[in-house]
Amino acid sequence: MWTRAHGEPVCDGLLRHTPADFCVTEEMGFTPDGQGEHEWLWVEKIGANTPWVARQLAKHADVKSRDVGFSGMKDRHAVTRQWFSVPTSTTDWSSLQVDGVNILDQQRHTRKLKRGAHKTNRFVLVLRGPEIDAEREALTARLQTIASDGVPNYFGEQRFGHNGSNVEQARSMFAGKRLPRDRRSILLSATRAWIFNAILSERVRAGSWNQILPGECANLAGTGSVFTVENVDSEIQQRCDEKDIHPTVTLWGTGAPITRGELAAMETTIAANWQDLTQGLESMRVSAASRPSRLVVADLSFEFADEQLTLSFALGRGGYATTVVRELINSL
C-alpha cells in the first residue's frame, strides 16, 4: 500500500516460518547499576507479546501491572530478548513458570525502566523460499542499496492490528465508544501511524523522504531533538547525506503540522483524506510530534544458504524490521 523507495520487491520469500526465524535483542546502551529497589529482568520470550509478559511478571511478584516497566514492544511471533523492571527485592524468580518466558539474568537498578529507554534493537532474520537462490545477485544489490541509503521509516503493519482493524476501532472510539485506557493508547498510536505512513508515502513518491527541504523539522540522529530548517545550505545538505540529521514527518495531533511552508501544505492535504481521524486525535488532545522519515539500517550483513537468506542488522528504537524486509522481498 505504501510506496517503496527502492523499487518493487526482488522476489517472494517466507518470513517467520518459525519464531526462531525472527530474533530480536534489545540493546540498552547502558547496564543496570547493581543497586536500588527495582529488579531488572533480562527475559527471553517466544510467542508472547510484551504487555502480556509484563502482566505475568506483575502477578508473580504480587505488584500492579502498571508498576512493571519495559522499554519497547517486541514482536510476538518471534524469539525476543528484552529487559523488564519490577519493584521488588524478595521475589523468587526461579519459581516463575510461564510458557514461552525464560529469565536469563537479573540485576538491581535504582529506577524503573521507562518506555523508549533502549538505544537499538538487533535483528537476525531468516528469509526462505526457492526464488532466493535464483535471485542472489539482485538481492545482494538491493541489500547494498539498503545499507547505503536506509529505508523509509514506515510504521510496520503490526501497529495497525489484524487487517488494519485498529484504525476502524479508533473511529468507533472517536464516535464515543468507551474502551480501557491501555486500549485507547494503542488505537491513538495506530491512528497517528496511519496518517504518518500516508504522508511519508507521498514523500517517497516525490523522492524527498531522505532529503532536507525548506520548512523541514529536522531530527538530530539518535535523539529526540529537532530544529526547523528555513533554508537548505551546503552544510545542512552534507549533514543529511552523512545521516547526522534526518528529515521528519508530522505525527498528527493538536498543533499539526509542525513543518512549514510547502511541506506543511502537503502534509495538511494528505491528512485531510482522513479528517475524521485527525479531528479525533485533536479532540482527545493528542499533541503533534515528529518522527524521522528515514530509517538507518546499521551493521547490515547477510548470508545465503540453500533457499534461505539470513540477515543481521540493527535499528534505532521505533524502527520496524518489516519495513526493511518489504524493500527486499514480497513476504508470504
Foldseek 3Di string as FASTA:
>chain_A
DFDWQQDAALAEWAWLPAQAQKEKEFAQVDDAPQDAQKKKFWKKFAQDKDLVVLVLVCVQQVHDSVQKAFADIDDRRHTYIGIIIHRHDPGDPVPRDDPRMDTPDIGDHHDGHHYNSTWKMKIKHKIFDQVCVVCVPVLVVLVVVCQQFNTFQAQDPVLQPDVSVLQVVLLVVLVPDDDDPVSNVSSLSSLLRVLQSQLLSVCSVVVPLLPDDAQFFKAQPRDQDTDHHHDDDPVNRVCSSVVRIATKAKRAEPPPPNGDDPSRVSSVVSCVVPVSSNVSRHVVRPDMGIDGRGWNWAPWDWDDDNRMIIIITMTTPSGDPVSVVSSHHHHD
